[in-house]
Amino acid sequence: MKPAPYFRRARGFTLVEAIVAIVIVGILGAIVAVFIRAPMQSYADTVARAEASDEADLALRRMAREIRLALPNSVRVSAGGDSIEFLLTRTGGRYLAAEDAVLDRPVLDFVNPANTTFMVVGGLQTDVETSDYVVVYNLGPGLAPSDAYAFNSANRNIARVRTRAFAGGTRLELMDNPFARAEPMPSPGRRFQVVSTPVTYSCENGSGGLVLTRRANYDIRAEITDPMTGNATSAVLARRLASCANLFSYGAADVELRRSALVLLSLSLHTRGAGDAGNGSVRLVHQVHVDNTP
């Protein structure tokens, strides 16, 4: 007689076995997470620092490029070091003087204020607009009449351009001639500069925290604390600033820097938003040499 076939009953995991497997997987996951968290956090911090450093470096390079184009002796810094202002030059050259004894050519007249046209020796390098200014022998703020910031006073060394002149042109016409006075101040090298606009970089309160702002195309003002008038333009150069204090160093409070013609820029940026957990900051310092030969 053939024996009856044997059927083995199929079995699965029991509830206890499933719970034990879940617990073991959870423990292993926690152990792995402990070892992974530090490298991941380090990577995130490195990326945040790199982004903040790139933003700060770009802002510093932009400011340095324009500060190098500042009118000689026009750089000035606010008392708290949170703002810097200068007059941005478009071009420059040498003017024809009476001492050159060139007949039938207009000279920059330091005697007769009625003469408002002069000849540019060698021609202009770029176009000159009617919104530009011509400056001669600028010695800096507070040194009238050789202070270009005194544009709105009678005792000044700066005049508005009357007629547009193109690159290669040899003549400039001014709205008036403030250089002709009882005690004239001609340039020893017979040099002049053409200023396009004042420029201010300042640390201000913006949406989300402190921001670095560039302002330009406003009217020349006597003091850096005076309000800006005219059609000023504004652009944010950097965000997430950690502090506004001593952002710029130059001037009376920093005699050595002024004597060396060095502008010190110190920019600190948060690596994350000001309210984010684990927020740090990066600080970049840059020195800019300016040409103060009038």
Protein backbone atom coordinates (compact mmCIF):
# COMPACT_ATOMS: atom_id res chain seq x y z
CA MET A 1 0.00 0.00 0.00
CA LYS A 2 1.35 3.39 -1.05
CA PRO A 3 1.91 5.82 1.83
CA ALA A 4 -0.13 9.03 1.81
CA PRO A 5 1.77 12.09 0.53
CA TYR A 6 3.18 14.50 3.18
CA PHE A 7 2.33 18.17 2.76
CA ARG A 8 4.52 20.62 4.74
CA ARG A 9 2.63 23.68 5.89
CA ALA A 10 4.10 26.94 4.54
CA ARG A 11 5.32 29.32 7.27
CA GLY A 12 6.20 33.11 7.28
CA PHE A 13 7.72 35.55 9.75
CA THR A 14 6.12 35.74 13.09
CA LEU A 15 5.22 39.10 14.61
CA VAL A 16 8.08 38.82 17.08
CA GLU A 17 10.59 38.15 14.31
CA ALA A 18 9.34 41.14 12.31
CA ILE A 19 9.62 43.44 15.32
CA VAL A 20 13.15 42.22 16.06
CA ALA A 21 14.16 42.83 12.42
CA ILE A 22 12.71 46.37 12.50
CA VAL A 23 14.54 47.15 15.74
CA ILE A 24 17.84 45.88 14.35
CA VAL A 25 17.43 47.89 11.13
CA GLY A 26 16.57 50.98 13.16
CA ILE A 27 19.68 50.58 15.33
CA LEU A 28 21.87 50.13 12.28
CA GLY A 29 20.27 53.19 10.63
CA ALA A 30 20.89 55.31 13.72
CA ILE A 31 24.54 54.24 13.85
CA VAL A 32 25.02 55.05 10.16
CA ALA A 33 23.26 58.41 10.59
CA VAL A 34 25.65 59.39 13.39
CA PHE A 35 28.63 58.83 11.12
CA ILE A 36 27.01 60.49 8.07
CA ARG A 37 25.60 63.57 9.82
CA ALA A 38 28.96 65.20 10.58
CA PRO A 39 30.32 64.96 7.00
CA MET A 40 27.00 66.14 5.55
CA GLN A 41 26.87 69.08 7.95
CA SER A 42 30.49 69.89 7.18
CA TYR A 43 29.72 69.84 3.45
CA ALA A 44 26.71 72.14 3.93
CA ASP A 45 28.80 74.55 6.01
CA THR A 46 31.57 74.54 3.39
CA VAL A 47 29.08 75.34 0.62
CA ALA A 48 27.54 78.15 2.70
CA ARG A 49 30.96 79.65 3.45
CA ALA A 50 31.96 79.41 -0.22
CA GLU A 51 28.78 81.19 -1.33
CA ALA A 52 29.25 83.96 1.25
CA SER A 53 32.93 84.32 0.32
CA ASP A 54 32.09 84.56 -3.38
CA GLU A 55 29.45 87.22 -2.71
CA ALA A 56 31.81 89.24 -0.51
CA ASP A 57 34.71 88.89 -2.96
CA LEU A 58 32.54 90.05 -5.88
CA ALA A 59 31.37 93.08 -3.88
CA LEU A 60 34.93 93.98 -2.85
CA ARG A 61 36.23 93.69 -6.41
CA ARG A 62 33.41 95.88 -7.72
CA MET A 63 34.08 98.56 -5.11
CA ALA A 64 37.86 98.39 -5.62
CA ARG A 65 37.50 98.81 -9.39
CA GLU A 66 35.49 102.01 -8.98
CA ILE A 67 37.51 103.41 -6.08
CA ARG A 68 40.62 103.23 -8.27
CA LEU A 69 38.78 105.52 -10.71
CA ALA A 70 38.01 108.08 -8.02
CA LEU A 71 38.93 111.70 -8.57
CA PRO A 72 42.23 112.38 -6.75
CA ASN A 73 41.61 113.37 -3.12
CA SER A 74 37.83 112.86 -3.39
CA VAL A 75 37.53 109.69 -1.27
CA ARG A 76 35.83 110.30 2.06
CA VAL A 77 34.41 107.95 4.71
CA SER A 78 31.63 108.50 7.26
CA ALA A 79 32.46 108.78 10.97
CA GLY A 80 31.26 105.25 11.74
CA GLY A 81 32.94 103.72 8.72
CA ASP A 82 29.64 102.47 7.29
CA SER A 83 29.74 104.64 4.12
CA ILE A 84 32.30 105.68 1.53
CA GLU A 85 31.86 108.36 -1.13
CA PHE A 86 33.98 109.51 -4.06
CA LEU A 87 33.67 111.30 -7.39
CA LEU A 88 33.91 108.88 -10.30
CA THR A 89 36.12 110.04 -13.17
CA ARG A 90 35.17 109.40 -16.77
CA THR A 91 38.36 110.66 -18.39
CA GLY A 92 41.00 113.37 -18.12
CA GLY A 93 43.79 115.06 -19.95
CA ARG A 94 45.93 118.16 -20.23
CA TYR A 95 44.59 121.60 -20.94
CA LEU A 96 46.23 124.23 -23.10
CA ALA A 97 47.55 127.03 -20.87
CA ALA A 98 48.45 130.63 -21.66
CA GLU A 99 52.08 129.79 -20.90
CA ASP A 100 52.10 127.44 -23.89
CA ALA A 101 51.92 130.53 -26.13
CA VAL A 102 49.91 128.83 -28.87
CA LEU A 103 48.19 131.41 -31.07
CA ASP A 104 44.53 131.16 -32.10
CA ARG A 105 43.79 128.33 -29.67
CA PRO A 106 41.53 128.69 -26.60
CA VAL A 107 43.29 128.18 -23.27
CA LEU A 108 41.90 127.36 -19.86
CA ASP A 109 41.80 130.92 -18.59
CA PHE A 110 42.68 131.52 -14.92
CA VAL A 111 42.28 135.30 -15.29
CA ASN A 112 39.16 136.10 -17.31
CA PRO A 113 36.01 134.22 -16.14
CA ALA A 114 34.25 135.10 -19.41
CA ASN A 115 36.39 132.57 -21.29
CA THR A 116 34.62 129.24 -20.86
CA THR A 117 36.15 127.18 -23.69
CA PHE A 118 39.57 125.55 -23.67
CA MET A 119 41.59 123.19 -25.83
CA VAL A 120 42.42 119.63 -24.79
CA VAL A 121 46.00 118.73 -25.67
CA GLY A 122 46.00 115.42 -27.54
CA GLY A 123 42.21 115.16 -27.64
CA LEU A 124 39.65 113.43 -25.44
CA GLN A 125 39.88 109.69 -24.82
CA THR A 126 36.12 109.17 -24.37
CA ASP A 127 32.88 111.05 -24.92
CA VAL A 128 32.03 113.81 -22.42
CA GLU A 129 28.36 114.43 -21.59
CA THR A 130 26.59 117.62 -20.54
CA SER A 131 25.93 116.00 -17.14
CA ASP A 132 29.69 115.73 -16.48
CA TYR A 133 31.98 118.04 -14.52
CA VAL A 134 35.49 119.35 -15.19
CA VAL A 135 37.80 119.52 -12.16
CA VAL A 136 41.24 121.15 -11.90
CA TYR A 137 43.77 120.55 -9.10
CA ASN A 138 41.58 118.89 -6.49
CA LEU A 139 43.20 118.75 -3.05
CA GLY A 140 40.32 117.29 -1.08
CA PRO A 141 37.42 118.05 1.27
CA GLY A 142 37.75 121.21 3.32
CA LEU A 143 40.57 122.67 1.21
CA ALA A 144 38.70 125.40 -0.65
CA PRO A 145 38.99 126.49 -3.37
CA SER A 146 40.48 123.11 -4.35
CA ASP A 147 37.54 121.05 -3.13
CA ALA A 148 35.32 119.51 -5.80
CA TYR A 149 32.58 118.86 -3.21
CA ALA A 150 32.10 122.65 -3.03
CA PHE A 151 30.32 122.61 -6.40
CA ASN A 152 27.38 124.60 -5.02
CA SER A 153 29.58 127.40 -3.66
CA ALA A 154 31.24 130.28 -5.46
CA ASN A 155 34.73 129.31 -4.26
CA ARG A 156 35.30 126.09 -6.20
CA ASN A 157 37.49 124.21 -8.68
CA ILE A 158 34.72 122.37 -10.55
CA ALA A 159 32.49 123.39 -13.45
CA ARG A 160 29.64 121.78 -15.38
CA VAL A 161 30.12 120.87 -19.04
CA ARG A 162 27.93 122.93 -21.39
CA THR A 163 28.26 121.09 -24.70
CA ARG A 164 28.73 117.40 -25.35
CA ALA A 165 32.16 116.47 -26.74
CA PHE A 166 33.08 113.27 -28.52
CA ALA A 167 36.14 111.07 -28.22
CA GLY A 168 39.00 112.59 -30.18
CA GLY A 169 37.60 116.10 -29.74
CA THR A 170 40.00 118.87 -28.78
CA ARG A 171 37.65 121.41 -27.19
CA LEU A 172 35.57 121.56 -24.04
CA GLU A 173 32.97 124.22 -23.29
CA LEU A 174 31.93 124.91 -19.70
CA MET A 175 28.80 126.43 -18.18
CA ASP A 176 31.04 128.95 -16.38
CA ASN A 177 34.69 129.45 -15.47
CA PRO A 178 35.23 129.26 -11.68
CA PHE A 179 38.98 128.73 -12.17
CA ALA A 180 39.52 132.44 -12.90
CA ARG A 181 39.78 134.12 -9.51
CA ALA A 182 41.93 136.59 -7.59
CA GLU A 183 44.18 133.77 -6.37
CA PRO A 184 44.07 131.11 -9.08
CA MET A 185 44.96 127.46 -8.41
CA PRO A 186 46.17 125.99 -11.72
CA SER A 187 47.42 122.44 -11.92
CA PRO A 188 51.24 122.23 -11.88
CA GLY A 189 51.00 119.51 -14.52
CA ARG A 190 48.20 121.33 -16.41
CA ARG A 191 45.92 118.39 -15.81
CA PHE A 192 42.16 118.22 -15.58
CA GLN A 193 39.72 115.41 -14.80
CA VAL A 194 36.19 114.83 -16.03
CA VAL A 195 33.84 113.55 -13.32
CA SER A 196 30.70 111.66 -14.31
CA THR A 197 28.90 111.21 -10.95
CA PRO A 198 29.40 110.94 -7.21
CA VAL A 199 29.17 107.36 -5.93
CA THR A 200 28.35 106.13 -2.44
CA TYR A 201 28.64 102.62 -1.02
CA SER A 202 26.86 102.26 2.31
CA CYS A 203 25.64 99.63 4.75
CA GLU A 204 21.89 99.94 5.29
CA ASN A 205 18.94 98.10 6.76
CA GLY A 206 17.15 96.12 4.06
CA SER A 207 14.60 93.36 3.82
CA GLY A 208 15.99 90.40 5.74
CA GLY A 209 18.91 92.24 7.37
CA LEU A 210 21.83 94.50 6.54
CA VAL A 211 22.71 95.10 2.87
CA LEU A 212 25.51 96.86 0.98
CA THR A 213 24.03 99.44 -1.39
CA ARG A 214 25.55 101.43 -4.25
CA ARG A 215 24.06 104.85 -5.05
CA ALA A 216 25.02 107.09 -7.96
CA ASN A 217 23.80 109.84 -10.33
CA TYR A 218 22.77 112.19 -7.54
CA ASP A 219 23.83 115.82 -7.15
CA ILE A 220 27.21 116.60 -5.61
CA ARG A 221 26.75 117.34 -1.90
CA ALA A 222 28.99 119.29 0.46
CA GLU A 223 29.06 116.67 3.25
CA ILE A 224 28.70 112.92 3.18
CA THR A 225 25.89 113.23 5.72
CA ASP A 226 23.82 115.59 3.53
CA PRO A 227 20.71 114.12 1.87
CA MET A 228 20.98 112.95 -1.72
CA THR A 229 19.08 115.03 -4.26
CA GLY A 230 18.45 114.51 -7.95
CA ASN A 231 17.75 111.27 -9.81
CA ALA A 232 19.78 108.93 -7.63
CA THR A 233 20.01 105.30 -8.70
CA SER A 234 20.31 102.48 -6.18
CA ALA A 235 21.45 98.86 -6.39
CA VAL A 236 22.10 96.20 -3.73
CA LEU A 237 25.61 94.81 -4.04
CA ALA A 238 25.63 92.28 -1.16
CA ARG A 239 23.18 90.93 1.40
CA ARG A 240 23.48 89.20 4.80
CA LEU A 241 26.04 91.68 6.16
CA ALA A 242 27.09 90.76 9.69
CA SER A 243 27.97 94.33 10.73
CA CYS A 244 28.13 97.90 9.45
CA ALA A 245 30.90 99.05 11.79
CA ASN A 246 34.28 99.92 10.24
CA LEU A 247 33.30 98.64 6.84
CA PHE A 248 35.49 101.36 5.30
CA SER A 249 38.65 102.94 6.73
CA TYR A 250 40.26 106.10 5.34
CA GLY A 251 40.53 109.78 6.15
CA ALA A 252 41.22 111.86 9.23
CA ALA A 253 40.75 108.95 11.65
CA ASP A 254 43.24 106.82 9.71
CA VAL A 255 46.17 109.14 9.05
CA GLU A 256 48.54 106.35 8.03
CA LEU A 257 46.09 104.97 5.48
CA ARG A 258 45.54 108.42 4.01
CA ARG A 259 49.27 109.13 3.89
CA SER A 260 49.79 105.82 2.09
CA ALA A 261 46.75 106.47 -0.17
CA LEU A 262 45.19 103.18 0.91
CA VAL A 263 41.49 102.54 1.38
CA LEU A 264 40.75 99.57 3.64
CA LEU A 265 37.61 97.55 2.89
CA SER A 266 36.43 94.99 5.47
CA LEU A 267 33.28 93.04 4.59
CA SER A 268 31.68 90.43 6.88
CA LEU A 269 28.79 88.29 5.61
CA HIS A 270 26.63 85.69 7.37
CA THR A 271 27.01 82.24 5.86
CA ARG A 272 23.25 81.77 6.21
CA GLY A 273 20.26 83.96 7.01
CA ALA A 274 20.64 86.07 10.15
CA GLY A 275 18.05 83.95 12.00
CA ASP A 276 19.16 80.49 10.82
CA ALA A 277 20.47 77.95 13.30
CA GLY A 278 24.21 77.40 13.25
CA ASN A 279 24.75 80.68 11.43
CA GLY A 280 28.40 81.75 11.04
CA SER A 281 30.14 84.49 9.11
CA VAL A 282 33.08 85.09 6.80
CA ARG A 283 35.21 88.25 6.73
CA LEU A 284 37.21 89.46 3.76
CA VAL A 285 39.63 92.38 3.88
CA HIS A 286 40.87 94.26 0.83
CA GLN A 287 43.22 97.22 0.39
CA VAL A 288 42.80 99.62 -2.52
CA HIS A 289 45.49 102.06 -3.59
CA VAL A 290 44.15 105.36 -4.88
CA ASP A 291 45.91 107.97 -6.99
CA ASN A 292 45.87 111.26 -5.10
CA THR A 293 48.04 113.22 -7.54
CA PRO A 294 45.77 116.10 -8.62
